[in-house]
């Protein structure tokens, strides 16, 4: 099977958060299953930063994945070379897997696939979900209108949770959806040095308004000295917004308790989890929140907001699922601080080992590809998928 992944940004563009990890691991595992995998992307790693990679030429990274990083010429992911290479690569593929929504490659890819009569799996990665702080809503609605006009007949929306499915099909009625959660890389062993009585909390993710960091900081201020605690904030984002978070920390008088460490990837991420007692994910909206799965895989329990799809945390005995206002976060932190966090972390890790391997997720996605490829070119999506209502 020949699979083309068209994605605005690709590994190691860690600036863009969880989707970078998800697409990277899916590509590697589809290749391991025997797929011929090519990735067409840009060299963007943030609004003003580029990856240090060879641009505009195809190169093999690992596990047989061949990647073309097209040089972007304007902010975000505008890359004329990508448009030039796209038609031939679409014709090569048996199936095209498209990621993101409101980005330069999306509409041209949908149109090229329609003209070439190629089936498409489209992963919005949460972009079709709205929250109270969503911006440029009218422009996004217009973009969705154009996308609906040019979409190919054989199209499936790939979503990672029921919550994402509901909102996604509302914007693309009549399009079949498939719910396949992300997998997670699970370390063979985990270490957790004792904390000497301090509750060591971490936030990991993009520094962005939808992540609810302000509410978390307000909750931390309200904790006062009721318990001994610390908070490490790891991640990157728009420099102006990152600076506003740092200023808020100072204004609340939390500089002695809260530290911002920037991006945490690879070994730095492993150390972050090793020295954490509790992950807090207070987002307003998430389609999956891969950081929750990563924390659990490292044996760290999670306090997640109801804006994430992790409602099973309390039932699984490895965390809690609460509102993300400051009062609820404060109460949740205090409640978690009185629990056996080590045992909760063990239960979370057991859950990830049992249900969230990337190999199994890749096999589910492979079956999705097969069903879409085998559907007649004019018949739309295969009928065994979850259908939009």
Protein backbone atom coordinates (compact mmCIF):
# COMPACT_ATOMS: atom_id res chain seq x y z
CA UNK A 1 0.00 0.00 0.00
CA UNK A 2 1.32 3.44 -0.98
CA UNK A 3 0.36 6.14 1.54
CA UNK A 4 1.02 9.85 1.10
CA UNK A 5 0.84 12.03 4.21
CA UNK A 6 0.30 15.72 3.51
CA UNK A 7 0.86 17.74 6.65
CA UNK A 8 1.77 21.44 7.10
CA UNK A 9 4.58 20.62 9.55
CA UNK A 10 6.39 17.43 10.46
CA UNK A 11 8.81 16.02 13.00
CA UNK A 12 10.95 17.45 14.53
CA UNK A 13 8.86 20.67 14.42
CA UNK A 14 8.10 20.46 18.15
CA UNK A 15 6.82 24.05 18.23
CA UNK A 16 3.45 22.75 17.02
CA UNK A 17 2.87 20.38 19.93
CA UNK A 18 1.15 17.01 20.08
CA UNK A 19 0.15 16.52 16.41
CA UNK A 20 3.83 16.45 15.46
CA UNK A 21 4.36 13.38 17.65
CA UNK A 22 1.11 11.73 16.56
CA UNK A 23 1.75 11.97 12.81
CA UNK A 24 5.41 10.97 13.20
CA UNK A 25 4.63 7.79 15.14
CA UNK A 26 1.74 6.88 12.84
CA UNK A 27 4.00 7.18 9.77
CA UNK A 28 6.69 5.02 11.35
CA UNK A 29 4.25 2.31 12.38
CA UNK A 30 2.41 2.23 9.03
CA UNK A 31 5.82 1.74 7.42
CA UNK A 32 6.56 -1.12 9.82
CA UNK A 33 3.34 -2.78 8.72
CA UNK A 34 4.65 -2.80 5.14
CA UNK A 35 3.31 0.46 3.78
CA UNK A 36 5.30 2.62 1.37
CA UNK A 37 5.18 5.93 3.22
CA UNK A 38 5.94 9.38 1.83
CA UNK A 39 5.43 12.68 3.64
CA UNK A 40 4.97 16.03 1.91
CA UNK A 41 5.36 18.93 4.32
CA UNK A 42 7.16 22.24 4.96
CA UNK A 43 10.24 23.14 6.96
CA UNK A 44 8.29 25.41 9.34
CA UNK A 45 8.98 25.17 13.07
CA UNK A 46 7.05 28.17 14.29
CA UNK A 47 6.04 31.53 12.75
CA UNK A 48 9.64 32.71 12.39
CA UNK A 49 11.74 29.57 12.69
CA UNK A 50 12.65 26.85 10.17
CA UNK A 51 13.89 23.33 10.70
CA UNK A 52 17.55 22.74 9.93
CA UNK A 53 16.84 20.18 7.21
CA UNK A 54 17.54 19.90 3.51
CA UNK A 55 14.64 21.61 1.76
CA UNK A 56 12.75 20.66 -1.41
CA UNK A 57 14.38 17.22 -1.77
CA UNK A 58 13.06 13.85 -0.67
CA UNK A 59 15.03 12.16 2.09
CA UNK A 60 14.58 8.95 4.06
CA UNK A 61 14.47 9.55 7.81
CA UNK A 62 13.94 6.18 9.49
CA UNK A 63 11.86 3.02 9.18
CA UNK A 64 11.50 3.64 5.46
CA UNK A 65 9.61 6.94 5.78
CA UNK A 66 10.53 9.34 2.95
CA UNK A 67 9.98 13.02 3.69
CA UNK A 68 10.06 16.13 1.51
CA UNK A 69 10.38 19.34 3.54
CA UNK A 70 9.35 22.15 1.19
CA UNK A 71 10.85 25.54 1.95
CA UNK A 72 8.19 27.95 3.18
CA UNK A 73 8.51 31.48 1.87
CA UNK A 74 6.03 33.33 4.08
CA UNK A 75 4.89 32.95 7.70
CA UNK A 76 3.06 29.80 8.73
CA UNK A 77 3.20 27.13 5.99
CA UNK A 78 3.06 28.84 2.59
CA UNK A 79 5.39 26.84 0.34
CA UNK A 80 5.04 27.08 -3.47
CA UNK A 81 7.28 24.04 -3.95
CA UNK A 82 4.72 21.93 -2.11
CA UNK A 83 2.09 22.88 -4.68
CA UNK A 84 4.44 21.95 -7.51
CA UNK A 85 5.20 18.50 -6.07
CA UNK A 86 1.68 17.72 -4.88
CA UNK A 87 -0.06 16.46 -8.09
CA UNK A 88 2.56 13.83 -8.95
CA UNK A 89 2.72 12.56 -5.38
CA UNK A 90 -1.07 12.33 -5.18
CA UNK A 91 -1.11 10.28 -8.40
CA UNK A 92 1.55 7.95 -6.90
CA UNK A 93 -0.48 7.21 -3.77
CA UNK A 94 -3.17 4.61 -3.16
CA UNK A 95 -4.53 6.76 -0.33
CA UNK A 96 -3.75 10.27 0.90
CA UNK A 97 -3.79 11.08 4.62
CA UNK A 98 -4.26 14.81 5.16
CA UNK A 99 -3.65 16.52 8.51
CA UNK A 100 -4.82 19.94 9.80
CA UNK A 101 -7.59 22.21 8.47
CA UNK A 102 -6.86 25.93 8.31
CA UNK A 103 -3.48 25.72 6.64
CA UNK A 104 -1.99 26.36 3.20
CA UNK A 105 -1.78 22.74 1.87
CA UNK A 106 -5.32 21.70 2.78
CA UNK A 107 -7.58 23.00 -0.02
CA UNK A 108 -5.07 22.25 -2.83
CA UNK A 109 -4.71 18.68 -1.53
CA UNK A 110 -8.46 18.11 -1.36
CA UNK A 111 -8.84 19.48 -4.90
CA UNK A 112 -5.94 17.44 -6.34
CA UNK A 113 -7.35 14.27 -4.76
CA UNK A 114 -10.79 15.04 -6.18
CA UNK A 115 -9.34 15.50 -9.68
CA UNK A 116 -7.21 12.34 -9.40
CA UNK A 117 -10.11 10.40 -7.80
CA UNK A 118 -7.92 9.42 -4.85
CA UNK A 119 -9.38 8.49 -1.46
CA UNK A 120 -8.54 10.75 1.49
CA UNK A 121 -8.38 10.25 5.23
CA UNK A 122 -8.51 13.70 6.82
CA UNK A 123 -7.35 14.26 10.41
CA UNK A 124 -8.46 17.70 11.69
CA UNK A 125 -6.45 17.21 14.93
CA UNK A 126 -8.97 19.28 16.87
CA UNK A 127 -9.04 22.22 14.45
CA UNK A 128 -12.79 21.87 13.85
CA UNK A 129 -13.57 22.20 17.55
CA UNK A 130 -14.57 25.62 18.85
CA UNK A 131 -14.27 27.23 22.27
CA UNK A 132 -15.14 30.62 23.73
CA UNK A 133 -11.76 32.05 22.73
CA UNK A 134 -11.80 30.81 19.12
CA UNK A 135 -10.58 33.48 16.70
CA UNK A 136 -11.31 34.29 13.02
CA UNK A 137 -14.49 32.23 13.15
CA UNK A 138 -16.05 33.82 10.03
CA UNK A 139 -12.90 33.21 8.01
CA UNK A 140 -12.84 29.59 9.19
CA UNK A 141 -16.48 29.15 8.21
CA UNK A 142 -15.68 30.41 4.72
CA UNK A 143 -12.67 28.07 4.52
CA UNK A 144 -14.90 25.14 5.51
CA UNK A 145 -17.35 26.13 2.76
CA UNK A 146 -14.65 25.97 0.10
CA UNK A 147 -13.30 22.69 1.49
CA UNK A 148 -16.75 21.12 1.32
CA UNK A 149 -17.02 22.15 -2.35
CA UNK A 150 -13.70 20.64 -3.43
CA UNK A 151 -13.55 17.53 -1.22
CA UNK A 152 -13.22 14.16 -2.99
CA UNK A 153 -16.07 11.65 -2.88
CA UNK A 154 -14.09 9.03 -0.99
CA UNK A 155 -13.36 11.02 2.17
CA UNK A 156 -13.29 9.97 5.81
CA UNK A 157 -12.74 12.29 8.76
CA UNK A 158 -10.37 10.66 11.22
CA UNK A 159 -11.00 11.89 14.76
CA UNK A 160 -9.48 10.80 18.06
CA UNK A 161 -12.49 11.02 20.39
CA UNK A 162 -16.29 11.05 20.40
CA UNK A 163 -16.21 14.71 21.43
CA UNK A 164 -14.14 15.61 18.37
CA UNK A 165 -16.44 13.54 16.15
CA UNK A 166 -19.55 15.45 17.24
CA UNK A 167 -18.08 18.86 16.48
CA UNK A 168 -16.31 17.80 13.29
CA UNK A 169 -19.31 16.27 11.54
CA UNK A 170 -21.34 19.34 12.48
CA UNK A 171 -19.07 21.32 10.15
CA UNK A 172 -18.89 18.60 7.50
CA UNK A 173 -22.35 16.99 7.50
CA UNK A 174 -22.70 13.80 5.51
CA UNK A 175 -19.01 12.90 5.74
CA UNK A 176 -18.22 9.56 7.37
CA UNK A 177 -16.04 9.61 10.45
CA UNK A 178 -13.73 7.06 12.04
CA UNK A 179 -12.77 7.35 15.70
CA UNK A 180 -9.21 6.10 16.20
CA UNK A 181 -7.44 7.52 19.27
CA UNK A 182 -3.74 8.25 19.21
CA UNK A 183 -1.22 5.80 20.53
CA UNK A 184 1.60 6.62 22.91
CA UNK A 185 5.27 5.68 23.19
CA UNK A 186 5.62 3.75 26.45
CA UNK A 187 9.05 3.60 28.14
CA UNK A 188 10.26 0.18 29.28
CA UNK A 189 10.97 1.45 32.79
CA UNK A 190 10.12 4.57 34.79
CA UNK A 191 11.83 6.15 37.79
CA UNK A 192 10.31 8.56 40.29
CA UNK A 193 12.65 10.01 42.95
CA UNK A 194 10.81 10.96 46.15
CA UNK A 195 9.72 14.56 46.50
CA UNK A 196 10.32 15.09 50.25
CA UNK A 197 6.66 15.93 50.80
CA UNK A 198 6.26 18.57 48.07
CA UNK A 199 3.56 18.08 45.41
CA UNK A 200 5.46 18.53 42.14
CA UNK A 201 2.99 19.52 39.42
CA UNK A 202 3.77 19.88 35.72
CA UNK A 203 2.03 21.41 32.74
CA UNK A 204 3.30 20.26 29.33
CA UNK A 205 2.04 21.55 26.01
CA UNK A 206 1.82 24.52 23.71
CA UNK A 207 1.73 27.83 25.52
CA UNK A 208 -1.58 28.96 24.05
CA UNK A 209 -4.76 30.66 25.23
CA UNK A 210 -6.87 27.52 24.85
CA UNK A 211 -4.68 25.58 27.28
CA UNK A 212 -6.15 27.28 30.36
CA UNK A 213 -2.81 28.18 31.93
CA UNK A 214 -4.15 31.42 33.44
CA UNK A 215 -6.80 29.44 35.34
CA UNK A 216 -4.15 27.04 36.60
CA UNK A 217 -2.00 29.92 37.86
CA UNK A 218 -4.99 31.50 39.61
CA UNK A 219 -5.70 28.14 41.25
CA UNK A 220 -2.09 27.93 42.39
CA UNK A 221 -2.28 31.40 43.91
CA UNK A 222 -5.40 30.32 45.80
CA UNK A 223 -3.55 27.28 47.19
CA UNK A 224 -1.36 29.59 49.22
CA UNK A 225 0.44 27.58 51.89
CA UNK A 226 -2.26 24.97 52.43
CA UNK A 227 0.12 22.36 50.94
CA UNK A 228 3.75 22.43 49.83
CA UNK A 229 3.72 22.52 46.03
CA UNK A 230 5.62 23.53 42.90
CA UNK A 231 4.64 23.88 39.24
CA UNK A 232 6.83 23.44 36.17
CA UNK A 233 5.45 24.79 32.88
CA UNK A 234 7.07 23.20 29.81
CA UNK A 235 6.33 24.25 26.27
CA UNK A 236 6.70 26.97 23.67
CA UNK A 237 4.34 29.31 21.88
CA UNK A 238 3.94 32.81 20.52
CA UNK A 239 6.66 34.87 22.26
CA UNK A 240 4.25 37.67 23.24
CA UNK A 241 1.85 35.23 24.88
CA UNK A 242 4.65 33.33 26.60
CA UNK A 243 5.84 36.65 28.03
CA UNK A 244 2.32 37.43 29.26
CA UNK A 245 2.28 34.14 31.19
CA UNK A 246 5.68 34.94 32.74
CA UNK A 247 4.37 38.39 33.72
CA UNK A 248 1.27 36.83 35.29
CA UNK A 249 3.46 34.53 37.37
CA UNK A 250 5.35 37.56 38.70
CA UNK A 251 2.19 39.57 39.27
CA UNK A 252 0.64 36.77 41.33
CA UNK A 253 3.80 36.46 43.42
CA UNK A 254 4.42 32.87 42.32
CA UNK A 255 7.96 33.15 40.94
CA UNK A 256 9.35 31.15 43.87
CA UNK A 257 6.91 28.29 43.16
CA UNK A 258 6.39 28.31 39.37
CA UNK A 259 9.06 28.02 36.70
CA UNK A 260 8.88 28.04 32.92
CA UNK A 261 11.48 25.85 31.20
CA UNK A 262 10.60 26.16 27.51
CA UNK A 263 10.40 23.12 25.23
CA UNK A 264 10.85 19.68 26.80
CA UNK A 265 11.53 16.93 24.24
CA UNK A 266 13.45 13.68 24.32
CA UNK A 267 15.57 13.28 27.43
CA UNK A 268 14.31 16.56 28.89
CA UNK A 269 10.73 15.31 28.69
CA UNK A 270 11.68 12.03 30.35
CA UNK A 271 13.32 13.90 33.26
CA UNK A 272 10.27 16.15 33.54
CA UNK A 273 7.99 13.15 34.05
CA UNK A 274 10.43 11.42 36.39
CA UNK A 275 10.37 14.41 38.73
CA UNK A 276 6.60 14.94 38.61
CA UNK A 277 3.91 13.77 40.99
CA UNK A 278 0.94 15.16 39.07
CA UNK A 279 0.25 16.37 35.53
CA UNK A 280 -2.35 19.14 35.24
CA UNK A 281 -4.02 19.67 31.84
CA UNK A 282 -6.59 22.49 32.21
CA UNK A 283 -7.41 23.04 28.51
CA UNK A 284 -10.64 24.62 27.30
CA UNK A 285 -10.71 22.16 24.39
CA UNK A 286 -8.62 19.22 23.14
CA UNK A 287 -9.30 16.56 20.54
CA UNK A 288 -7.06 14.07 22.37
CA UNK A 289 -4.33 15.69 24.53
CA UNK A 290 -1.41 13.35 23.86
CA UNK A 291 0.38 14.75 26.95
CA UNK A 292 -2.19 12.99 29.14
CA UNK A 293 -1.31 9.64 27.59
CA UNK A 294 2.41 10.42 27.82
CA UNK A 295 2.15 11.28 31.50
CA UNK A 296 0.22 8.09 32.26
CA UNK A 297 2.73 6.04 30.25
CA UNK A 298 5.43 7.42 32.56
CA UNK A 299 3.44 6.56 35.68
CA UNK A 300 2.26 10.11 36.43
CA UNK A 301 -1.42 10.59 37.37
CA UNK A 302 -3.33 13.37 35.63
CA UNK A 303 -5.79 16.08 36.64
CA UNK A 304 -7.52 16.92 33.34
CA UNK A 305 -10.22 19.40 32.46
CA UNK A 306 -13.56 18.51 30.95
CA UNK A 307 -12.35 20.23 27.80
CA UNK A 308 -10.28 17.09 27.20
CA UNK A 309 -11.80 13.68 26.29
CA UNK A 310 -10.22 11.91 29.29
CA UNK A 311 -13.41 11.24 31.25
CA UNK A 312 -12.19 7.73 32.12
CA UNK A 313 -9.42 8.99 34.41
CA UNK A 314 -11.38 8.68 37.70
CA UNK A 315 -12.95 5.35 36.73
CA UNK A 316 -9.50 3.98 35.90
CA UNK A 317 -8.15 5.23 39.23
CA UNK A 318 -5.34 7.25 37.69
CA UNK A 319 -6.56 10.84 37.89
CA UNK A 320 -9.56 13.12 37.85
CA UNK A 321 -11.68 14.95 35.25
CA UNK A 322 -12.97 18.33 36.39
CA UNK A 323 -14.03 21.81 35.30
CA UNK A 324 -11.11 24.11 34.51
CA UNK A 325 -12.13 27.19 36.51
CA UNK A 326 -9.66 28.21 39.27
CA UNK A 327 -11.87 27.02 42.15
CA UNK A 328 -12.37 23.55 40.64
CA UNK A 329 -8.67 23.25 39.82
CA UNK A 330 -7.68 24.24 43.35
CA UNK A 331 -10.10 21.71 44.85
CA UNK A 332 -8.89 19.03 42.45
CA UNK A 333 -5.23 19.65 43.29
CA UNK A 334 -5.94 19.45 47.03
CA UNK A 335 -7.96 16.26 46.58
CA UNK A 336 -5.21 14.64 44.51
CA UNK A 337 -2.53 15.67 46.99
CA UNK A 338 -4.17 13.43 49.62
CA UNK A 339 -4.20 10.34 47.36
CA UNK A 340 -1.66 7.59 46.72
CA UNK A 341 -0.22 9.16 43.58
CA UNK A 342 2.36 6.43 43.02
CA UNK A 343 -0.31 3.73 42.91
CA UNK A 344 -2.48 5.91 40.68
CA UNK A 345 0.44 6.34 38.31
CA UNK A 346 0.96 2.58 38.18
CA UNK A 347 -2.68 2.06 37.22
CA UNK A 348 -2.39 4.70 34.49
CA UNK A 349 0.72 3.06 33.06
CA UNK A 350 -1.01 -0.34 33.05
CA UNK A 351 -3.92 1.23 31.12
CA UNK A 352 -1.61 2.71 28.49
CA UNK A 353 0.27 -0.57 28.07
CA UNK A 354 -2.99 -2.44 27.58
CA UNK A 355 -4.94 -0.11 25.29
CA UNK A 356 -2.74 2.55 23.68
CA UNK A 357 0.10 0.90 21.77
CA UNK A 358 1.03 2.60 18.48
CA UNK A 359 1.19 -0.77 16.75
CA UNK A 360 -2.50 -1.43 17.41
CA UNK A 361 -3.47 2.10 16.40
CA UNK A 362 -1.54 1.73 13.13
CA UNK A 363 -3.33 -1.56 12.41
CA UNK A 364 -6.71 0.16 12.91
CA UNK A 365 -5.65 2.94 10.56
CA UNK A 366 -4.38 0.42 8.01
CA UNK A 367 -7.80 -1.25 7.97
CA UNK A 368 -9.38 2.17 7.46
CA UNK A 369 -7.13 2.75 4.45
CA UNK A 370 -7.97 -0.66 3.00
CA UNK A 371 -11.71 -0.07 3.29
CA UNK A 372 -11.48 3.34 1.66
CA UNK A 373 -9.26 2.12 -1.19
CA UNK A 374 -11.56 -0.81 -1.96
CA UNK A 375 -14.67 1.39 -2.13
CA UNK A 376 -15.66 2.17 -5.75
CA UNK A 377 -14.30 5.54 -6.86
CA UNK A 378 -17.77 7.06 -7.24
CA UNK A 379 -19.40 5.44 -4.23
CA UNK A 380 -18.20 7.65 -1.38
CA UNK A 381 -16.82 6.23 1.86
CA UNK A 382 -17.19 2.55 2.82
CA UNK A 383 -20.33 1.84 4.76
CA UNK A 384 -18.80 0.17 7.83
CA UNK A 385 -17.65 3.46 9.36
CA UNK A 386 -19.32 5.60 11.97
CA UNK A 387 -21.49 7.79 9.79
CA UNK A 388 -22.19 11.46 10.28
CA UNK A 389 -25.75 12.09 11.40
